[in-house]
Amino acid sequence: MTTIYSDDSLTLHTDLYQINMMQTYWELG
């Protein structure tokens, strides 16, 4: 259960990072 939670947390952070990079990319555009 803890492993799954950690996995989800890591995935969430990765998704937020990707979105952040995309947003920066579009702003620099």
Foldseek 3Di string as FASTA:
>chain_A
DVVVVVVVVVVVVVVVVVVVVVVVVVVVD
